[in-house]
Amino acid sequence: MKLSWINKKWVIVVLHVLCWVILFSLPFLLRSYTRDEHKTPRPDDIALLHFYFVSSCVWIVLFYVHAFVFLRFVQRRKKLALFAGFEVLALASVYIIHWVYFKFFVIHSPFKPANFFVYNIFPYLFILASSTAYAMVLERQRITQIARQRETETLKSELLFLRSQVSPHFMFNVLNNMVALARKKSDLLEPSLIKLSALMRYMLYETDEEKVPLEKEVEYIQSYIDLQRQRFGKNLIVNSSFEHIDGAKEIEPMLLIPFVENAFKHGTGMIENPEINICLQETNALLQFKVCNKFIYAIAEIKDKNSGIGLNNVKRRLNLLYGKNHTLNITDSNGGFTVDLQIKLT
């Protein structure tokens, strides 16, 4: 459960006021249990009550001045003498305020320096200690927030970089397909160019978004598969299935295509009876994506040296984008390669 409301300014102000009211009400709450009903009121009771209120305000002001002004100033200068000097100055200021108030408003109870230190030294130390702790907590929160902002910006930059690698890589493979069709003088070249145009339109105008509708990403993958089918013809068996696609669900653009590209890159060529199976379905916001192809280590090593970004790019993007909301299992043997991906879509 998120507690973002607790960081709102009005909530913080209310909590501070409540804490001060409770703290300075404690003497009156404790006094109510020990009050003598027959005690004769003293002439200075009202003045002393006002003095308690003024004294409480002094402690509150000292708390915030110490936390937001002095500690930050000393932290920048890093001088211990300044720290000691302020503490003495703060205590002297409280002493002068008490002396002035007693001199002009408390007539029948003279000000006694010894009583001042006896009754105020512990509240003074308590206020300074709590103010220092409060300032340290705020500083820790500030540092944490800055670190999170930097991490977020770093992740965004890395995601943009990783995504930017995919587009040129994909275009390189598709253009190779066009070259192959042109050499064959195939009638499929024109519809292939139209399909390529649609793919480029998607890459140029859709992939700049943080997320795209899942159905558009599926259309993109299907178009890529169609282009590859036209290229290989009867030399390659491609079975694809896309089921239960919810148009309201969204996904990071060009996140799944590297797995499909990888299957066509390593599952064709000198492999006997090549076959690629691609299955994607979405049920209750759970995306299940599976790609299987035949695989031979020796051929794969040669292709990896010559081209391809590899699956590390996609793994990194998945970790950055979905974290624990995804599982990726890749199994390979000298004969088969399987990618099984599950993503909890939001």
C-alpha atoms as a PDB file:
ATOM      1  CA  MET A   1       0.000   0.000   0.000  1.00  0.00           C
ATOM      2  CA  LYS A   2       1.381   3.374  -1.027  1.00  0.00           C
ATOM      3  CA  LEU A   3       1.482   6.154   1.584  1.00  0.00           C
ATOM      4  CA  SER A   4       2.088   9.070  -0.785  1.00  0.00           C
ATOM      5  CA  TRP A   5      -0.477  11.150   1.111  1.00  0.00           C
ATOM      6  CA  ILE A   6       1.812  11.303   4.134  1.00  0.00           C
ATOM      7  CA  ASN A   7       4.302  13.431   2.155  1.00  0.00           C
ATOM      8  CA  LYS A   8       1.769  16.151   1.402  1.00  0.00           C
ATOM      9  CA  LYS A   9       2.579  19.503   3.027  1.00  0.00           C
ATOM     10  CA  TRP A  10      -0.719  19.916   4.844  1.00  0.00           C
ATOM     11  CA  VAL A  11      -0.388  16.433   6.362  1.00  0.00           C
ATOM     12  CA  ILE A  12       3.136  17.223   7.579  1.00  0.00           C
ATOM     13  CA  VAL A  13       1.954  20.520   9.098  1.00  0.00           C
ATOM     14  CA  VAL A  14      -0.942  18.797  10.879  1.00  0.00           C
ATOM     15  CA  LEU A  15       1.368  16.099  12.263  1.00  0.00           C
ATOM     16  CA  HIS A  16       3.839  18.688  13.549  1.00  0.00           C
ATOM     17  CA  VAL A  17       1.115  20.734  15.239  1.00  0.00           C
ATOM     18  CA  LEU A  18      -0.352  17.594  16.790  1.00  0.00           C
ATOM     19  CA  CYS A  19       3.035  16.506  18.148  1.00  0.00           C
ATOM     20  CA  TRP A  20       3.710  19.922  19.705  1.00  0.00           C
ATOM     21  CA  VAL A  21       0.238  20.094  21.258  1.00  0.00           C
ATOM     22  CA  ILE A  22       0.646  16.632  22.808  1.00  0.00           C
ATOM     23  CA  LEU A  23       4.174  17.364  24.041  1.00  0.00           C
ATOM     24  CA  PHE A  24       3.359  20.664  25.761  1.00  0.00           C
ATOM     25  CA  SER A  25       0.014  19.392  27.090  1.00  0.00           C
ATOM     26  CA  LEU A  26       1.679  16.611  29.062  1.00  0.00           C
ATOM     27  CA  PRO A  27       2.385  18.751  32.185  1.00  0.00           C
ATOM     28  CA  PHE A  28      -1.292  19.728  32.385  1.00  0.00           C
ATOM     29  CA  LEU A  29      -2.471  16.165  31.808  1.00  0.00           C
ATOM     30  CA  LEU A  30      -0.153  14.841  34.521  1.00  0.00           C
ATOM     31  CA  ARG A  31      -1.026  17.703  36.857  1.00  0.00           C
ATOM     32  CA  SER A  32      -4.742  16.887  36.693  1.00  0.00           C
ATOM     33  CA  TYR A  33      -4.094  13.617  38.527  1.00  0.00           C
ATOM     34  CA  THR A  34      -2.184  15.252  41.384  1.00  0.00           C
ATOM     35  CA  ARG A  35      -4.054  18.546  41.707  1.00  0.00           C
ATOM     36  CA  ASP A  36      -4.964  19.671  45.215  1.00  0.00           C
ATOM     37  CA  GLU A  37      -8.570  20.925  45.205  1.00  0.00           C
ATOM     38  CA  HIS A  38      -7.977  23.083  48.344  1.00  0.00           C
ATOM     39  CA  LYS A  39      -4.842  24.769  47.016  1.00  0.00           C
ATOM     40  CA  THR A  40      -5.024  28.549  47.178  1.00  0.00           C
ATOM     41  CA  PRO A  41      -4.428  30.279  43.799  1.00  0.00           C
ATOM     42  CA  ARG A  42      -1.275  32.406  43.653  1.00  0.00           C
ATOM     43  CA  PRO A  43      -1.194  35.943  42.215  1.00  0.00           C
ATOM     44  CA  ASP A  44       1.232  34.970  39.476  1.00  0.00           C
ATOM     45  CA  ASP A  45      -0.604  31.826  38.284  1.00  0.00           C
ATOM     46  CA  ILE A  46      -2.033  33.535  35.189  1.00  0.00           C
ATOM     47  CA  ALA A  47       1.296  35.182  34.386  1.00  0.00           C
ATOM     48  CA  LEU A  48       3.114  31.859  34.816  1.00  0.00           C
ATOM     49  CA  LEU A  49       0.571  30.154  32.561  1.00  0.00           C
ATOM     50  CA  HIS A  50       1.232  32.776  29.896  1.00  0.00           C
ATOM     51  CA  PHE A  51       4.937  32.308  30.490  1.00  0.00           C
ATOM     52  CA  TYR A  52       4.595  28.574  29.850  1.00  0.00           C
ATOM     53  CA  PHE A  53       2.929  29.336  26.529  1.00  0.00           C
ATOM     54  CA  VAL A  54       5.662  31.816  25.570  1.00  0.00           C
ATOM     55  CA  SER A  55       8.359  29.371  26.652  1.00  0.00           C
ATOM     56  CA  SER A  56       6.778  26.630  24.545  1.00  0.00           C
ATOM     57  CA  CYS A  57       6.818  28.910  21.507  1.00  0.00           C
ATOM     58  CA  VAL A  58      10.497  29.634  22.162  1.00  0.00           C
ATOM     59  CA  TRP A  59      11.299  25.910  22.194  1.00  0.00           C
ATOM     60  CA  ILE A  60       9.382  25.397  18.941  1.00  0.00           C
ATOM     61  CA  VAL A  61      11.190  28.270  17.225  1.00  0.00           C
ATOM     62  CA  LEU A  62      14.532  26.958  18.489  1.00  0.00           C
ATOM     63  CA  PHE A  63      13.702  23.486  17.132  1.00  0.00           C
ATOM     64  CA  TYR A  64      13.089  24.695  13.570  1.00  0.00           C
ATOM     65  CA  VAL A  65      15.841  27.323  13.515  1.00  0.00           C
ATOM     66  CA  HIS A  66      18.300  24.715  14.712  1.00  0.00           C
ATOM     67  CA  ALA A  67      17.124  22.145  12.130  1.00  0.00           C
ATOM     68  CA  PHE A  68      16.692  24.313   9.039  1.00  0.00           C
ATOM     69  CA  VAL A  69      19.140  27.182   9.529  1.00  0.00           C
ATOM     70  CA  PHE A  70      21.986  26.422  11.860  1.00  0.00           C
ATOM     71  CA  LEU A  71      22.665  22.757  11.097  1.00  0.00           C
ATOM     72  CA  ARG A  72      22.642  23.403   7.341  1.00  0.00           C
ATOM     73  CA  PHE A  73      24.956  26.383   7.782  1.00  0.00           C
ATOM     74  CA  VAL A  74      27.384  24.390   9.940  1.00  0.00           C
ATOM     75  CA  GLN A  75      27.203  21.440   7.535  1.00  0.00           C
ATOM     76  CA  ARG A  76      28.370  23.654   4.687  1.00  0.00           C
ATOM     77  CA  ARG A  77      31.160  25.307   6.721  1.00  0.00           C
ATOM     78  CA  LYS A  78      32.097  22.167   8.688  1.00  0.00           C
ATOM     79  CA  LYS A  79      33.389  24.081  11.702  1.00  0.00           C
ATOM     80  CA  LEU A  80      32.957  22.655  15.189  1.00  0.00           C
ATOM     81  CA  ALA A  81      33.488  26.072  16.789  1.00  0.00           C
ATOM     82  CA  LEU A  82      30.386  27.386  15.024  1.00  0.00           C
ATOM     83  CA  PHE A  83      28.375  24.511  16.415  1.00  0.00           C
ATOM     84  CA  ALA A  84      29.484  25.142  19.990  1.00  0.00           C
ATOM     85  CA  GLY A  85      29.001  28.886  19.586  1.00  0.00           C
ATOM     86  CA  PHE A  86      25.431  28.524  18.367  1.00  0.00           C
ATOM     87  CA  GLU A  87      24.468  26.173  21.187  1.00  0.00           C
ATOM     88  CA  VAL A  88      25.763  28.692  23.741  1.00  0.00           C
ATOM     89  CA  LEU A  89      24.038  31.551  21.915  1.00  0.00           C
ATOM     90  CA  ALA A  90      20.758  29.635  21.762  1.00  0.00           C
ATOM     91  CA  LEU A  91      20.835  28.896  25.510  1.00  0.00           C
ATOM     92  CA  ALA A  92      21.752  32.518  26.261  1.00  0.00           C
ATOM     93  CA  SER A  93      18.816  33.706  24.118  1.00  0.00           C
ATOM     94  CA  VAL A  94      16.394  31.491  26.018  1.00  0.00           C
ATOM     95  CA  TYR A  95      17.877  32.756  29.297  1.00  0.00           C
ATOM     96  CA  ILE A  96      17.375  36.432  28.268  1.00  0.00           C
ATOM     97  CA  ILE A  97      13.774  35.798  27.174  1.00  0.00           C
ATOM     98  CA  HIS A  98      12.974  34.158  30.505  1.00  0.00           C
ATOM     99  CA  TRP A  99      14.653  36.951  32.466  1.00  0.00           C
ATOM    100  CA  VAL A 100      12.814  39.704  30.539  1.00  0.00           C
ATOM    101  CA  TYR A 101       9.462  37.990  30.961  1.00  0.00           C
ATOM    102  CA  PHE A 102       9.912  37.500  34.717  1.00  0.00           C
ATOM    103  CA  LYS A 103      11.121  41.078  35.168  1.00  0.00           C
ATOM    104  CA  PHE A 104       8.111  42.713  33.512  1.00  0.00           C
ATOM    105  CA  PHE A 105       5.230  40.229  33.860  1.00  0.00           C
ATOM    106  CA  VAL A 106       5.874  37.957  36.870  1.00  0.00           C
ATOM    107  CA  ILE A 107       5.845  40.343  39.811  1.00  0.00           C
ATOM    108  CA  HIS A 108       5.643  38.090  42.859  1.00  0.00           C
ATOM    109  CA  SER A 109       8.061  35.388  41.689  1.00  0.00           C
ATOM    110  CA  PRO A 110      11.600  36.707  41.107  1.00  0.00           C
ATOM    111  CA  PHE A 111      13.788  35.226  38.414  1.00  0.00           C
ATOM    112  CA  LYS A 112      16.457  32.859  39.776  1.00  0.00           C
ATOM    113  CA  PRO A 113      19.299  31.795  37.459  1.00  0.00           C
ATOM    114  CA  ALA A 114      19.781  28.530  39.340  1.00  0.00           C
ATOM    115  CA  ASN A 115      16.119  27.600  38.821  1.00  0.00           C
ATOM    116  CA  PHE A 116      16.403  28.473  35.139  1.00  0.00           C
ATOM    117  CA  PHE A 117      19.174  25.908  34.568  1.00  0.00           C
ATOM    118  CA  VAL A 118      17.519  23.273  36.747  1.00  0.00           C
ATOM    119  CA  TYR A 119      14.177  23.476  34.935  1.00  0.00           C
ATOM    120  CA  ASN A 120      15.379  24.224  31.387  1.00  0.00           C
ATOM    121  CA  ILE A 121      18.614  22.358  30.755  1.00  0.00           C
ATOM    122  CA  PHE A 122      16.861  19.047  30.014  1.00  0.00           C
ATOM    123  CA  PRO A 123      14.165  20.567  27.748  1.00  0.00           C
ATOM    124  CA  TYR A 124      16.955  22.463  25.993  1.00  0.00           C
ATOM    125  CA  LEU A 125      19.011  19.302  25.384  1.00  0.00           C
ATOM    126  CA  PHE A 126      15.864  17.416  24.334  1.00  0.00           C
ATOM    127  CA  ILE A 127      14.919  20.071  21.765  1.00  0.00           C
ATOM    128  CA  LEU A 128      18.428  20.190  20.298  1.00  0.00           C
ATOM    129  CA  ALA A 129      18.696  16.390  20.130  1.00  0.00           C
ATOM    130  CA  SER A 130      15.271  15.945  18.532  1.00  0.00           C
ATOM    131  CA  SER A 131      15.945  18.830  16.127  1.00  0.00           C
ATOM    132  CA  THR A 132      19.238  17.268  15.066  1.00  0.00           C
ATOM    133  CA  ALA A 133      17.582  13.868  14.565  1.00  0.00           C
ATOM    134  CA  TYR A 134      14.783  15.474  12.536  1.00  0.00           C
ATOM    135  CA  ALA A 135      17.294  17.319  10.340  1.00  0.00           C
ATOM    136  CA  MET A 136      19.235  14.096   9.763  1.00  0.00           C
ATOM    137  CA  VAL A 137      16.061  12.259   8.716  1.00  0.00           C
ATOM    138  CA  LEU A 138      15.166  15.038   6.266  1.00  0.00           C
ATOM    139  CA  GLU A 139      18.678  15.053   4.837  1.00  0.00           C
ATOM    140  CA  ARG A 140      18.567  11.282   4.432  1.00  0.00           C
ATOM    141  CA  GLN A 141      15.231  11.543   2.614  1.00  0.00           C
ATOM    142  CA  ARG A 142      16.626  14.266   0.360  1.00  0.00           C
ATOM    143  CA  ILE A 143      19.682  12.185  -0.556  1.00  0.00           C
ATOM    144  CA  THR A 144      17.487   9.137  -1.196  1.00  0.00           C
ATOM    145  CA  GLN A 145      15.143  11.155  -3.402  1.00  0.00           C
ATOM    146  CA  ILE A 146      18.050  12.553  -5.433  1.00  0.00           C
ATOM    147  CA  ALA A 147      19.488   9.062  -5.822  1.00  0.00           C
ATOM    148  CA  ARG A 148      16.125   7.751  -7.023  1.00  0.00           C
ATOM    149  CA  GLN A 149      15.767  10.607  -9.503  1.00  0.00           C
ATOM    150  CA  ARG A 150      19.249   9.954 -10.851  1.00  0.00           C
ATOM    151  CA  GLU A 151      18.534   6.236 -11.077  1.00  0.00           C
ATOM    152  CA  THR A 152      15.279   6.926 -12.915  1.00  0.00           C
ATOM    153  CA  GLU A 153      16.999   9.228 -15.389  1.00  0.00           C
ATOM    154  CA  THR A 154      19.787   6.689 -15.882  1.00  0.00           C
ATOM    155  CA  LEU A 155      17.279   3.910 -16.525  1.00  0.00           C
ATOM    156  CA  LYS A 156      15.372   6.072 -18.999  1.00  0.00           C
ATOM    157  CA  SER A 157      18.572   6.895 -20.861  1.00  0.00           C
ATOM    158  CA  GLU A 158      19.616   3.251 -20.921  1.00  0.00           C
ATOM    159  CA  LEU A 159      16.198   2.144 -22.184  1.00  0.00           C
ATOM    160  CA  LEU A 160      16.313   4.699 -24.990  1.00  0.00           C
ATOM    161  CA  PHE A 161      19.796   3.531 -25.923  1.00  0.00           C
ATOM    162  CA  LEU A 162      18.805  -0.139 -25.899  1.00  0.00           C
ATOM    163  CA  ARG A 163      15.688   0.558 -27.973  1.00  0.00           C
ATOM    164  CA  SER A 164      17.668   2.645 -30.445  1.00  0.00           C
ATOM    165  CA  GLN A 165      19.903  -0.366 -31.071  1.00  0.00           C
ATOM    166  CA  VAL A 166      16.965  -2.519 -32.133  1.00  0.00           C
ATOM    167  CA  SER A 167      15.646  -0.328 -34.964  1.00  0.00           C
ATOM    168  CA  PRO A 168      18.815  -0.221 -37.140  1.00  0.00           C
ATOM    169  CA  HIS A 169      19.400  -3.910 -36.481  1.00  0.00           C
ATOM    170  CA  PHE A 170      15.898  -4.774 -37.664  1.00  0.00           C
ATOM    171  CA  MET A 171      16.162  -2.545 -40.739  1.00  0.00           C
ATOM    172  CA  PHE A 172      19.444  -4.219 -41.663  1.00  0.00           C
ATOM    173  CA  ASN A 173      17.790  -7.652 -41.697  1.00  0.00           C
ATOM    174  CA  VAL A 174      14.691  -6.487 -43.594  1.00  0.00           C
ATOM    175  CA  LEU A 175      16.750  -4.764 -46.293  1.00  0.00           C
ATOM    176  CA  ASN A 176      18.697  -7.980 -46.722  1.00  0.00           C
ATOM    177  CA  ASN A 177      15.357  -9.652 -47.356  1.00  0.00           C
ATOM    178  CA  MET A 178      14.528  -7.064 -50.021  1.00  0.00           C
ATOM    179  CA  VAL A 179      17.888  -7.660 -51.711  1.00  0.00           C
ATOM    180  CA  ALA A 180      17.214 -11.399 -51.791  1.00  0.00           C
ATOM    181  CA  LEU A 181      13.795 -10.864 -53.394  1.00  0.00           C
ATOM    182  CA  ALA A 182      15.230  -8.419 -55.930  1.00  0.00           C
ATOM    183  CA  ARG A 183      17.888 -10.935 -56.982  1.00  0.00           C
ATOM    184  CA  LYS A 184      15.201 -13.542 -57.510  1.00  0.00           C
ATOM    185  CA  LYS A 185      13.127 -10.975 -59.458  1.00  0.00           C
ATOM    186  CA  SER A 186      10.232 -12.152 -57.374  1.00  0.00           C
ATOM    187  CA  ASP A 187       6.711 -10.814 -57.810  1.00  0.00           C
ATOM    188  CA  LEU A 188       6.621 -10.622 -54.036  1.00  0.00           C
ATOM    189  CA  LEU A 189       9.008  -7.651 -54.024  1.00  0.00           C
ATOM    190  CA  GLU A 190       6.259  -5.036 -54.447  1.00  0.00           C
ATOM    191  CA  PRO A 191       3.960  -6.321 -51.647  1.00  0.00           C
ATOM    192  CA  SER A 192       7.064  -6.759 -49.540  1.00  0.00           C
ATOM    193  CA  LEU A 193       8.002  -3.113 -50.027  1.00  0.00           C
ATOM    194  CA  ILE A 194       4.475  -2.091 -49.055  1.00  0.00           C
ATOM    195  CA  LYS A 195       4.753  -4.236 -45.947  1.00  0.00           C
ATOM    196  CA  LEU A 196       8.147  -2.719 -45.225  1.00  0.00           C
ATOM    197  CA  SER A 197       6.650   0.751 -45.574  1.00  0.00           C
ATOM    198  CA  ALA A 198       4.049  -0.122 -42.927  1.00  0.00           C
ATOM    199  CA  LEU A 199       6.784  -1.416 -40.642  1.00  0.00           C
ATOM    200  CA  MET A 200       8.839   1.745 -41.062  1.00  0.00           C
ATOM    201  CA  ARG A 201       5.789   3.883 -40.347  1.00  0.00           C
ATOM    202  CA  TYR A 202       5.318   1.990 -37.096  1.00  0.00           C
ATOM    203  CA  MET A 203       8.996   2.332 -36.184  1.00  0.00           C
ATOM    204  CA  LEU A 204       9.093   6.066 -36.923  1.00  0.00           C
ATOM    205  CA  TYR A 205       5.811   7.223 -35.425  1.00  0.00           C
ATOM    206  CA  GLU A 206       4.899   4.663 -32.775  1.00  0.00           C
ATOM    207  CA  THR A 207       8.100   3.549 -31.090  1.00  0.00           C
ATOM    208  CA  ASP A 208       8.851   7.012 -29.680  1.00  0.00           C
ATOM    209  CA  GLU A 209       6.081   6.389 -27.176  1.00  0.00           C
ATOM    210  CA  GLU A 210       6.851   4.818 -23.834  1.00  0.00           C
ATOM    211  CA  LYS A 211       4.299   2.087 -24.500  1.00  0.00           C
ATOM    212  CA  VAL A 212       2.103   1.058 -27.410  1.00  0.00           C
ATOM    213  CA  PRO A 213      -1.091  -1.021 -27.623  1.00  0.00           C
ATOM    214  CA  LEU A 214      -0.307  -4.719 -27.568  1.00  0.00           C
ATOM    215  CA  GLU A 215      -2.309  -5.327 -30.733  1.00  0.00           C
ATOM    216  CA  LYS A 216      -0.090  -2.895 -32.676  1.00  0.00           C
ATOM    217  CA  GLU A 217       3.023  -4.685 -31.492  1.00  0.00           C
ATOM    218  CA  VAL A 218       1.456  -7.984 -32.578  1.00  0.00           C
ATOM    219  CA  GLU A 219       0.646  -6.535 -36.030  1.00  0.00           C
ATOM    220  CA  TYR A 220       4.252  -5.442 -36.281  1.00  0.00           C
ATOM    221  CA  ILE A 221       5.530  -8.942 -35.453  1.00  0.00           C
ATOM    222  CA  GLN A 222       3.047 -10.540 -37.860  1.00  0.00           C
ATOM    223  CA  SER A 223       4.208  -8.245 -40.678  1.00  0.00           C
ATOM    224  CA  TYR A 224       7.813  -9.194 -39.983  1.00  0.00           C
ATOM    225  CA  ILE A 225       6.888 -12.889 -40.078  1.00  0.00           C
ATOM    226  CA  ASP A 226       5.067 -12.366 -43.400  1.00  0.00           C
ATOM    227  CA  LEU A 227       8.177 -10.763 -44.879  1.00  0.00           C
ATOM    228  CA  GLN A 228      10.291 -13.690 -43.768  1.00  0.00           C
ATOM    229  CA  ARG A 229       7.789 -16.176 -45.167  1.00  0.00           C
ATOM    230  CA  GLN A 230       7.996 -14.412 -48.528  1.00  0.00           C
ATOM    231  CA  ARG A 231      11.761 -14.573 -48.386  1.00  0.00           C
ATOM    232  CA  PHE A 232      12.147 -18.260 -47.537  1.00  0.00           C
ATOM    233  CA  GLY A 233       9.015 -19.612 -49.203  1.00  0.00           C
ATOM    234  CA  LYS A 234       8.652 -23.382 -48.943  1.00  0.00           C
ATOM    235  CA  ASN A 235      12.180 -23.743 -47.580  1.00  0.00           C
ATOM    236  CA  LEU A 236      11.007 -22.791 -44.089  1.00  0.00           C
ATOM    237  CA  ILE A 237       8.006 -23.854 -42.032  1.00  0.00           C
ATOM    238  CA  VAL A 238       6.676 -21.012 -39.845  1.00  0.00           C
ATOM    239  CA  ASN A 239       3.797 -21.616 -37.450  1.00  0.00           C
ATOM    240  CA  SER A 240       2.501 -18.505 -35.713  1.00  0.00           C
ATOM    241  CA  SER A 241      -0.416 -18.064 -33.358  1.00  0.00           C
ATOM    242  CA  PHE A 242      -1.686 -14.851 -31.732  1.00  0.00           C
ATOM    243  CA  GLU A 243      -4.669 -15.315 -29.412  1.00  0.00           C
ATOM    244  CA  HIS A 244      -6.807 -13.260 -27.008  1.00  0.00           C
ATOM    245  CA  ILE A 245      -5.141  -9.941 -27.716  1.00  0.00           C
ATOM    246  CA  ASP A 246      -6.660  -7.182 -25.572  1.00  0.00           C
ATOM    247  CA  GLY A 247      -6.478  -3.817 -27.306  1.00  0.00           C
ATOM    248  CA  ALA A 248      -6.476  -2.016 -23.953  1.00  0.00           C
ATOM    249  CA  LYS A 249      -3.213  -3.621 -22.831  1.00  0.00           C
ATOM    250  CA  GLU A 250       0.080  -1.884 -23.591  1.00  0.00           C
ATOM    251  CA  ILE A 251       3.684  -2.968 -23.908  1.00  0.00           C
ATOM    252  CA  GLU A 252       7.094  -1.446 -24.543  1.00  0.00           C
ATOM    253  CA  PRO A 253       7.503  -1.121 -28.338  1.00  0.00           C
ATOM    254  CA  MET A 254       9.841  -3.503 -30.156  1.00  0.00           C
ATOM    255  CA  LEU A 255      10.348  -5.575 -27.045  1.00  0.00           C
ATOM    256  CA  LEU A 256       9.391  -8.962 -28.504  1.00  0.00           C
ATOM    257  CA  ILE A 257      10.732  -8.670 -32.047  1.00  0.00           C
ATOM    258  CA  PRO A 258      14.380  -9.511 -31.140  1.00  0.00           C
ATOM    259  CA  PHE A 259      13.266 -12.999 -30.051  1.00  0.00           C
ATOM    260  CA  VAL A 260      11.569 -13.495 -33.423  1.00  0.00           C
ATOM    261  CA  GLU A 261      14.587 -12.108 -35.279  1.00  0.00           C
ATOM    262  CA  ASN A 262      16.838 -14.438 -33.302  1.00  0.00           C
ATOM    263  CA  ALA A 263      14.720 -17.419 -34.320  1.00  0.00           C
ATOM    264  CA  PHE A 264      14.945 -16.576 -38.025  1.00  0.00           C
ATOM    265  CA  LYS A 265      18.652 -15.826 -37.784  1.00  0.00           C
ATOM    266  CA  HIS A 266      19.660 -19.054 -36.019  1.00  0.00           C
ATOM    267  CA  GLY A 267      16.837 -21.305 -37.198  1.00  0.00           C
ATOM    268  CA  THR A 268      17.504 -21.045 -40.925  1.00  0.00           C
ATOM    269  CA  GLY A 269      20.377 -21.431 -43.341  1.00  0.00           C
ATOM    270  CA  MET A 270      22.244 -24.711 -43.264  1.00  0.00           C
ATOM    271  CA  ILE A 271      19.771 -26.290 -40.838  1.00  0.00           C
ATOM    272  CA  GLU A 272      17.962 -29.319 -42.242  1.00  0.00           C
ATOM    273  CA  ASN A 273      14.160 -28.979 -42.415  1.00  0.00           C
ATOM    274  CA  PRO A 274      14.035 -25.648 -40.553  1.00  0.00           C
ATOM    275  CA  GLU A 275      10.914 -24.899 -38.549  1.00  0.00           C
ATOM    276  CA  ILE A 276       9.956 -21.957 -36.355  1.00  0.00           C
ATOM    277  CA  ASN A 277       7.008 -21.881 -33.961  1.00  0.00           C
ATOM    278  CA  ILE A 278       5.773 -18.594 -32.490  1.00  0.00           C
ATOM    279  CA  CYS A 279       2.903 -18.378 -30.020  1.00  0.00           C
ATOM    280  CA  LEU A 280       1.582 -15.310 -28.205  1.00  0.00           C
ATOM    281  CA  GLN A 281      -1.496 -15.073 -26.021  1.00  0.00           C
ATOM    282  CA  GLU A 282      -2.768 -12.719 -23.315  1.00  0.00           C
ATOM    283  CA  THR A 283      -5.080 -13.827 -20.533  1.00  0.00           C
ATOM    284  CA  ASN A 284      -6.049 -11.717 -17.524  1.00  0.00           C
ATOM    285  CA  ALA A 285      -3.195  -9.257 -18.144  1.00  0.00           C
ATOM    286  CA  LEU A 286      -0.656 -12.105 -18.355  1.00  0.00           C
ATOM    287  CA  LEU A 287       1.249 -12.130 -21.625  1.00  0.00           C
ATOM    288  CA  GLN A 288       2.704 -15.498 -22.629  1.00  0.00           C
ATOM    289  CA  PHE A 289       5.152 -15.487 -25.517  1.00  0.00           C
ATOM    290  CA  LYS A 290       6.970 -18.558 -26.789  1.00  0.00           C
ATOM    291  CA  VAL A 291       9.389 -18.941 -29.686  1.00  0.00           C
ATOM    292  CA  CYS A 292      10.964 -22.249 -30.749  1.00  0.00           C
ATOM    293  CA  ASN A 293      13.426 -22.952 -33.541  1.00  0.00           C
ATOM    294  CA  LYS A 294      15.968 -25.527 -34.558  1.00  0.00           C
ATOM    295  CA  PHE A 295      19.473 -24.721 -33.450  1.00  0.00           C
ATOM    296  CA  ILE A 296      23.055 -25.771 -34.206  1.00  0.00           C
ATOM    297  CA  TYR A 297      25.891 -24.368 -32.096  1.00  0.00           C
ATOM    298  CA  ALA A 298      28.519 -24.169 -34.841  1.00  0.00           C
ATOM    299  CA  ILE A 299      26.286 -22.185 -37.198  1.00  0.00           C
ATOM    300  CA  ALA A 300      25.035 -19.927 -34.378  1.00  0.00           C
ATOM    301  CA  GLU A 301      28.577 -18.970 -33.341  1.00  0.00           C
ATOM    302  CA  ILE A 302      29.447 -17.886 -36.895  1.00  0.00           C
ATOM    303  CA  LYS A 303      26.275 -15.774 -37.202  1.00  0.00           C
ATOM    304  CA  ASP A 304      26.771 -14.151 -33.813  1.00  0.00           C
ATOM    305  CA  LYS A 305      30.266 -13.011 -34.840  1.00  0.00           C
ATOM    306  CA  ASN A 306      29.014 -11.417 -38.034  1.00  0.00           C
ATOM    307  CA  SER A 307      25.822  -9.681 -36.929  1.00  0.00           C
ATOM    308  CA  GLY A 308      23.219  -9.287 -34.270  1.00  0.00           C
ATOM    309  CA  ILE A 309      22.886  -7.514 -31.000  1.00  0.00           C
ATOM    310  CA  GLY A 310      21.998 -10.689 -29.139  1.00  0.00           C
ATOM    311  CA  LEU A 311      19.471 -11.391 -26.426  1.00  0.00           C
ATOM    312  CA  ASN A 312      21.350  -9.522 -23.692  1.00  0.00           C
ATOM    313  CA  ASN A 313      19.777  -6.297 -24.948  1.00  0.00           C
ATOM    314  CA  VAL A 314      16.267  -7.662 -24.480  1.00  0.00           C
ATOM    315  CA  LYS A 315      17.073  -9.221 -21.118  1.00  0.00           C
ATOM    316  CA  ARG A 316      18.350  -5.888 -19.842  1.00  0.00           C
ATOM    317  CA  ARG A 317      15.262  -4.041 -21.090  1.00  0.00           C
ATOM    318  CA  LEU A 318      12.948  -6.599 -19.483  1.00  0.00           C
ATOM    319  CA  ASN A 319      14.746  -6.265 -16.161  1.00  0.00           C
ATOM    320  CA  LEU A 320      14.546  -2.477 -16.278  1.00  0.00           C
ATOM    321  CA  LEU A 321      10.916  -2.308 -17.383  1.00  0.00           C
ATOM    322  CA  TYR A 322       9.208  -5.176 -15.606  1.00  0.00           C
ATOM    323  CA  GLY A 323      11.569  -6.442 -12.903  1.00  0.00           C
ATOM    324  CA  LYS A 324       9.816  -9.168 -10.915  1.00  0.00           C
ATOM    325  CA  ASN A 325       6.715  -8.842 -13.090  1.00  0.00           C
ATOM    326  CA  HIS A 326       8.265 -11.023 -15.760  1.00  0.00           C
ATOM    327  CA  THR A 327       9.928 -14.408 -16.136  1.00  0.00           C
ATOM    328  CA  LEU A 328      12.203 -15.347 -19.021  1.00  0.00           C
ATOM    329  CA  ASN A 329      13.342 -18.918 -19.560  1.00  0.00           C
ATOM    330  CA  ILE A 330      15.726 -19.687 -22.414  1.00  0.00           C
ATOM    331  CA  THR A 331      16.639 -23.310 -23.067  1.00  0.00           C
ATOM    332  CA  ASP A 332      18.965 -24.460 -25.799  1.00  0.00           C
ATOM    333  CA  SER A 333      20.465 -27.724 -26.903  1.00  0.00           C
ATOM    334  CA  ASN A 334      22.207 -28.852 -30.054  1.00  0.00           C
ATOM    335  CA  GLY A 335      18.974 -29.267 -31.893  1.00  0.00           C
ATOM    336  CA  GLY A 336      16.512 -26.785 -30.423  1.00  0.00           C
ATOM    337  CA  PHE A 337      16.247 -23.296 -28.958  1.00  0.00           C
ATOM    338  CA  THR A 338      13.212 -22.165 -26.932  1.00  0.00           C
ATOM    339  CA  VAL A 339      12.306 -18.773 -25.476  1.00  0.00           C
ATOM    340  CA  ASP A 340       9.480 -18.750 -22.933  1.00  0.00           C
ATOM    341  CA  LEU A 341       8.519 -15.278 -21.721  1.00  0.00           C
ATOM    342  CA  GLN A 342       5.739 -14.230 -19.345  1.00  0.00           C
ATOM    343  CA  ILE A 343       4.940 -10.613 -18.524  1.00  0.00           C
ATOM    344  CA  LYS A 344       2.361  -9.225 -16.121  1.00  0.00           C
ATOM    345  CA  LEU A 345       0.937  -6.293 -18.050  1.00  0.00           C
ATOM    346  CA  THR A 346      -0.460  -3.237 -16.261  1.00  0.00           C
END
